[in-house]
C-alpha cells in the first residue's frame, strides 16, 4: 500500500467579544492541540496525516468540536505542496514535530 502524506490545515476566525465566546475559542484551540495540530500562524493550525482518508477522518473529528459561531475552514494539501510554501517575511519553524519523516505507519 502506498501512502501519500498530506497535511490538514485548519483556519479559523472566531468571535471573542464575550466571556462565553472567549471560552469557546480557548476550548477549540486546546482541542486542536490535543488532536496533534501545530500552530503555524495565529488561527492557522496544521497536522500531518498518512493519506487523504486519514485527513478526512481527522476533519470529521475537528467538526465535532467546532464552536457554534465564527468561521472554521479546512484544507488538505500534499506534502509536496506544503513544502513549496514561500516565506515572504520570517522563517520556517524547525520544530521536530512538524516534519513528515516522523510519521510512523503501522
N, C-alpha and C. Protein backbone atom coordinates (compact mmCIF):
# COMPACT_ATOMS: atom_id res chain seq x y z
N UNK A 1 0.85 -1.18 0.00
CA UNK A 1 0.00 0.00 0.00
C UNK A 1 0.89 1.24 0.00
N UNK A 2 0.57 2.17 -0.86
CA UNK A 2 1.35 3.40 -0.98
C UNK A 2 0.67 4.51 -0.18
N UNK A 3 1.45 5.19 0.61
CA UNK A 3 0.92 6.29 1.40
C UNK A 3 1.36 7.61 0.80
N UNK A 4 0.41 8.51 0.67
CA UNK A 4 0.71 9.85 0.19
C UNK A 4 0.45 10.81 1.34
N UNK A 5 1.52 11.25 1.95
CA UNK A 5 1.42 12.11 3.13
C UNK A 5 0.72 13.42 2.75
N UNK A 6 -0.26 13.79 3.55
CA UNK A 6 -0.96 15.06 3.34
C UNK A 6 -0.95 15.84 4.65
N UNK A 7 -1.22 17.10 4.54
CA UNK A 7 -1.36 17.97 5.70
C UNK A 7 -2.78 18.49 5.73
N UNK A 8 -3.37 18.47 6.90
CA UNK A 8 -4.68 19.07 7.08
C UNK A 8 -4.48 20.40 7.79
N UNK A 9 -4.90 21.46 7.13
CA UNK A 9 -4.80 22.79 7.71
C UNK A 9 -6.17 23.21 8.20
N UNK A 10 -6.22 23.77 9.40
CA UNK A 10 -7.45 24.31 9.97
C UNK A 10 -7.23 25.80 10.16
N UNK A 11 -8.09 26.58 9.54
CA UNK A 11 -8.01 28.03 9.62
C UNK A 11 -9.31 28.53 10.22
N UNK A 12 -9.20 29.44 11.18
CA UNK A 12 -10.44 29.88 11.83
C UNK A 12 -10.38 31.33 12.23
N UNK A 13 -11.58 31.90 12.30
CA UNK A 13 -11.79 33.27 12.77
C UNK A 13 -12.98 33.20 13.70
N UNK A 14 -12.74 33.23 14.99
CA UNK A 14 -13.79 33.07 15.98
C UNK A 14 -14.01 34.36 16.75
N UNK A 15 -15.26 34.66 17.07
CA UNK A 15 -15.53 35.87 17.86
C UNK A 15 -15.03 35.71 19.29
N UNK A 16 -14.52 36.80 19.86
CA UNK A 16 -14.03 36.78 21.25
C UNK A 16 -14.51 38.02 22.00
N UNK A 17 -15.74 38.42 21.72
CA UNK A 17 -16.27 39.64 22.34
C UNK A 17 -16.81 39.40 23.74
N UNK A 18 -17.39 38.23 23.99
CA UNK A 18 -17.96 37.95 25.30
C UNK A 18 -17.12 36.89 26.01
N UNK A 19 -17.36 36.72 27.29
CA UNK A 19 -16.63 35.70 28.06
C UNK A 19 -16.93 34.31 27.53
N UNK A 20 -18.18 34.06 27.15
CA UNK A 20 -18.55 32.74 26.61
C UNK A 20 -17.84 32.47 25.28
N UNK A 21 -17.70 33.49 24.44
CA UNK A 21 -17.01 33.32 23.16
C UNK A 21 -15.52 33.08 23.36
N UNK A 22 -14.93 33.79 24.34
CA UNK A 22 -13.51 33.57 24.63
C UNK A 22 -13.28 32.15 25.15
N UNK A 23 -14.21 31.66 25.96
CA UNK A 23 -14.10 30.30 26.48
C UNK A 23 -14.20 29.29 25.34
N UNK A 24 -15.14 29.50 24.41
CA UNK A 24 -15.28 28.61 23.26
C UNK A 24 -14.01 28.62 22.41
N UNK A 25 -13.41 29.79 22.23
CA UNK A 25 -12.15 29.91 21.48
C UNK A 25 -11.05 29.08 22.16
N UNK A 26 -10.91 29.26 23.47
CA UNK A 26 -9.86 28.53 24.21
C UNK A 26 -10.09 27.02 24.14
N UNK A 27 -11.33 26.59 24.29
CA UNK A 27 -11.63 25.15 24.22
C UNK A 27 -11.34 24.59 22.84
N UNK A 28 -11.67 25.34 21.79
CA UNK A 28 -11.40 24.89 20.43
C UNK A 28 -9.90 24.77 20.18
N UNK A 29 -9.16 25.78 20.60
CA UNK A 29 -7.70 25.76 20.42
C UNK A 29 -7.07 24.60 21.18
N UNK A 30 -7.50 24.37 22.43
CA UNK A 30 -6.96 23.25 23.22
C UNK A 30 -7.31 21.90 22.58
N UNK A 31 -8.51 21.79 22.02
CA UNK A 31 -8.90 20.55 21.36
C UNK A 31 -8.04 20.30 20.12
N UNK A 32 -7.73 21.35 19.36
CA UNK A 32 -6.84 21.19 18.21
C UNK A 32 -5.47 20.70 18.65
N UNK A 33 -4.94 21.29 19.71
CA UNK A 33 -3.63 20.88 20.21
C UNK A 33 -3.66 19.44 20.70
N UNK A 34 -4.74 19.04 21.35
CA UNK A 34 -4.82 17.66 21.85
C UNK A 34 -4.96 16.66 20.70
N UNK A 35 -5.45 17.10 19.55
CA UNK A 35 -5.53 16.25 18.36
C UNK A 35 -4.20 16.19 17.61
N UNK A 36 -3.20 16.92 18.08
CA UNK A 36 -1.88 16.87 17.46
C UNK A 36 -1.60 17.96 16.46
N UNK A 37 -2.45 18.96 16.38
CA UNK A 37 -2.21 20.08 15.47
C UNK A 37 -1.14 21.00 16.03
N UNK A 38 -0.40 21.62 15.13
CA UNK A 38 0.62 22.60 15.49
C UNK A 38 0.24 23.95 14.92
N UNK A 39 0.46 25.00 15.69
CA UNK A 39 0.16 26.33 15.21
C UNK A 39 1.27 26.79 14.28
N UNK A 40 0.92 27.16 13.04
CA UNK A 40 1.92 27.71 12.14
C UNK A 40 1.78 29.22 12.02
N UNK A 41 0.61 29.73 12.35
CA UNK A 41 0.33 31.16 12.45
C UNK A 41 -0.84 31.30 13.39
N UNK A 42 -1.09 32.51 13.84
CA UNK A 42 -2.27 32.71 14.66
C UNK A 42 -3.50 32.29 13.88
N UNK A 43 -4.30 31.45 14.46
CA UNK A 43 -5.54 30.95 13.87
C UNK A 43 -5.33 30.04 12.66
N UNK A 44 -4.13 29.53 12.46
CA UNK A 44 -3.87 28.54 11.42
C UNK A 44 -3.07 27.40 12.04
N UNK A 45 -3.67 26.21 12.01
CA UNK A 45 -3.05 25.03 12.61
C UNK A 45 -2.94 23.95 11.54
N UNK A 46 -1.95 23.09 11.69
CA UNK A 46 -1.69 22.06 10.68
C UNK A 46 -1.31 20.75 11.37
N UNK A 47 -1.68 19.65 10.71
CA UNK A 47 -1.30 18.33 11.22
C UNK A 47 -0.99 17.42 10.04
N UNK A 48 -0.01 16.55 10.21
CA UNK A 48 0.37 15.57 9.20
C UNK A 48 -0.58 14.38 9.30
N UNK A 49 -1.02 13.87 8.15
CA UNK A 49 -1.84 12.66 8.08
C UNK A 49 -1.22 11.72 7.05
N UNK A 50 -1.44 10.43 7.23
CA UNK A 50 -0.81 9.45 6.34
C UNK A 50 -1.36 9.46 4.93
N UNK A 51 -2.64 9.81 4.77
CA UNK A 51 -3.24 9.87 3.44
C UNK A 51 -4.50 10.74 3.51
N UNK A 52 -5.16 10.90 2.38
CA UNK A 52 -6.33 11.78 2.35
C UNK A 52 -7.50 11.20 3.14
N UNK A 53 -7.60 9.88 3.22
CA UNK A 53 -8.66 9.27 4.02
C UNK A 53 -8.47 9.57 5.51
N UNK A 54 -7.23 9.48 5.97
CA UNK A 54 -6.95 9.79 7.37
C UNK A 54 -7.21 11.27 7.65
N UNK A 55 -6.89 12.11 6.69
CA UNK A 55 -7.15 13.55 6.84
C UNK A 55 -8.65 13.83 6.88
N UNK A 56 -9.42 13.12 6.07
CA UNK A 56 -10.87 13.29 6.09
C UNK A 56 -11.46 12.85 7.43
N UNK A 57 -10.96 11.76 7.98
CA UNK A 57 -11.40 11.31 9.30
C UNK A 57 -11.05 12.34 10.37
N UNK A 58 -9.86 12.88 10.28
CA UNK A 58 -9.43 13.91 11.22
C UNK A 58 -10.31 15.16 11.08
N UNK A 59 -10.67 15.49 9.86
CA UNK A 59 -11.55 16.63 9.62
C UNK A 59 -12.91 16.43 10.30
N UNK A 60 -13.43 15.20 10.25
CA UNK A 60 -14.69 14.89 10.92
C UNK A 60 -14.56 15.03 12.43
N UNK A 61 -13.41 14.63 12.96
CA UNK A 61 -13.19 14.77 14.41
C UNK A 61 -13.15 16.23 14.82
N UNK A 62 -12.53 17.07 13.99
CA UNK A 62 -12.49 18.51 14.28
C UNK A 62 -13.90 19.08 14.20
N UNK A 63 -14.69 18.62 13.25
CA UNK A 63 -16.06 19.11 13.10
C UNK A 63 -16.89 18.84 14.35
N UNK A 64 -16.53 17.83 15.12
CA UNK A 64 -17.26 17.50 16.34
C UNK A 64 -17.09 18.54 17.44
N UNK A 65 -16.00 19.31 17.41
CA UNK A 65 -15.78 20.26 18.50
C UNK A 65 -15.65 21.72 18.05
N UNK A 66 -16.12 22.03 16.85
CA UNK A 66 -16.09 23.44 16.41
C UNK A 66 -17.12 24.25 17.19
N UNK A 67 -16.80 25.50 17.50
CA UNK A 67 -17.77 26.37 18.18
C UNK A 67 -18.98 26.66 17.29
N UNK A 68 -20.05 27.12 17.91
CA UNK A 68 -21.29 27.39 17.17
C UNK A 68 -21.17 28.61 16.27
N UNK A 69 -20.39 29.59 16.68
CA UNK A 69 -20.28 30.83 15.90
C UNK A 69 -18.86 30.99 15.39
N UNK A 70 -18.74 31.78 14.33
CA UNK A 70 -17.43 32.04 13.76
C UNK A 70 -17.27 31.34 12.43
N UNK A 71 -16.03 31.28 11.96
CA UNK A 71 -15.70 30.67 10.68
C UNK A 71 -14.55 29.69 10.90
N UNK A 72 -14.74 28.43 10.51
CA UNK A 72 -13.69 27.41 10.60
C UNK A 72 -13.62 26.74 9.24
N UNK A 73 -12.43 26.72 8.66
CA UNK A 73 -12.22 26.13 7.34
C UNK A 73 -11.09 25.12 7.42
N UNK A 74 -11.14 24.10 6.56
CA UNK A 74 -10.05 23.14 6.47
C UNK A 74 -9.56 23.06 5.02
N UNK A 75 -8.32 22.63 4.88
CA UNK A 75 -7.73 22.48 3.56
C UNK A 75 -6.73 21.34 3.61
N UNK A 76 -6.85 20.40 2.67
CA UNK A 76 -5.88 19.32 2.57
C UNK A 76 -4.87 19.67 1.49
N UNK A 77 -3.60 19.57 1.82
CA UNK A 77 -2.54 19.78 0.83
C UNK A 77 -1.56 18.63 0.93
N UNK A 78 -0.97 18.28 -0.20
CA UNK A 78 0.04 17.23 -0.18
C UNK A 78 1.31 17.76 0.48
N UNK A 79 2.15 16.84 0.87
CA UNK A 79 3.41 17.24 1.50
C UNK A 79 4.27 18.05 0.53
N UNK A 80 4.21 17.71 -0.75
CA UNK A 80 4.98 18.45 -1.75
C UNK A 80 4.47 19.88 -1.87
N UNK A 81 3.13 20.05 -1.86
CA UNK A 81 2.56 21.39 -1.92
C UNK A 81 2.92 22.19 -0.67
N UNK A 82 2.85 21.54 0.48
CA UNK A 82 3.16 22.22 1.74
C UNK A 82 4.63 22.65 1.76
N UNK A 83 5.51 21.78 1.25
CA UNK A 83 6.94 22.09 1.24
C UNK A 83 7.28 23.24 0.30
N UNK A 84 6.39 23.52 -0.67
CA UNK A 84 6.67 24.60 -1.60
C UNK A 84 6.19 25.96 -1.09
N UNK A 85 5.79 26.02 0.17
CA UNK A 85 5.34 27.28 0.76
C UNK A 85 6.50 28.29 0.76
N UNK A 86 6.19 29.50 0.39
CA UNK A 86 7.20 30.57 0.35
C UNK A 86 7.04 31.46 1.57
N UNK A 87 8.14 31.87 2.14
CA UNK A 87 8.13 32.78 3.28
C UNK A 87 8.58 34.15 2.80
N UNK A 88 7.67 35.08 2.77
CA UNK A 88 7.99 36.42 2.30
C UNK A 88 8.63 37.24 3.42
N UNK A 89 8.21 36.99 4.64
CA UNK A 89 8.81 37.60 5.82
C UNK A 89 8.86 36.53 6.89
N UNK A 90 9.94 36.46 7.64
CA UNK A 90 10.06 35.45 8.69
C UNK A 90 10.68 34.17 8.16
N UNK A 91 10.81 33.20 9.03
CA UNK A 91 11.42 31.93 8.67
C UNK A 91 10.54 30.78 9.14
N UNK A 92 10.76 29.63 8.55
CA UNK A 92 10.01 28.43 8.92
C UNK A 92 10.41 27.96 10.31
N UNK A 93 9.45 27.39 11.02
CA UNK A 93 9.76 26.80 12.32
C UNK A 93 10.45 25.48 12.08
N UNK A 94 11.50 25.24 12.82
CA UNK A 94 12.25 23.99 12.67
C UNK A 94 11.85 23.00 13.74
N UNK A 95 10.61 23.04 14.16
CA UNK A 95 10.08 22.16 15.18
C UNK A 95 10.11 20.71 14.67
N UNK A 96 10.68 19.81 15.45
CA UNK A 96 10.80 18.42 15.03
C UNK A 96 9.42 17.78 14.87
N UNK A 97 8.40 18.28 15.56
CA UNK A 97 7.05 17.72 15.46
C UNK A 97 6.40 18.08 14.13
N UNK A 98 6.96 19.00 13.40
CA UNK A 98 6.36 19.49 12.16
C UNK A 98 6.97 18.83 10.93
N UNK A 99 7.61 17.68 11.09
CA UNK A 99 8.26 17.02 9.96
C UNK A 99 7.54 15.73 9.61
N UNK A 100 7.44 15.45 8.32
CA UNK A 100 6.73 14.24 7.88
C UNK A 100 7.55 12.98 8.07
N UNK A 101 8.85 13.07 8.22
CA UNK A 101 9.66 11.85 8.40
C UNK A 101 9.47 11.24 9.79
N UNK A 102 8.72 11.91 10.65
CA UNK A 102 8.40 11.37 11.96
C UNK A 102 7.11 10.57 11.96
N UNK A 103 6.42 10.50 10.80
CA UNK A 103 5.18 9.73 10.70
C UNK A 103 5.51 8.26 10.64
N UNK A 104 4.89 7.48 11.52
CA UNK A 104 5.10 6.04 11.56
C UNK A 104 3.80 5.38 11.14
N UNK A 105 3.86 4.55 10.10
CA UNK A 105 2.69 3.85 9.60
C UNK A 105 2.72 2.44 10.15
N UNK A 106 1.66 2.09 10.87
CA UNK A 106 1.60 0.74 11.49
C UNK A 106 0.66 -0.13 10.70
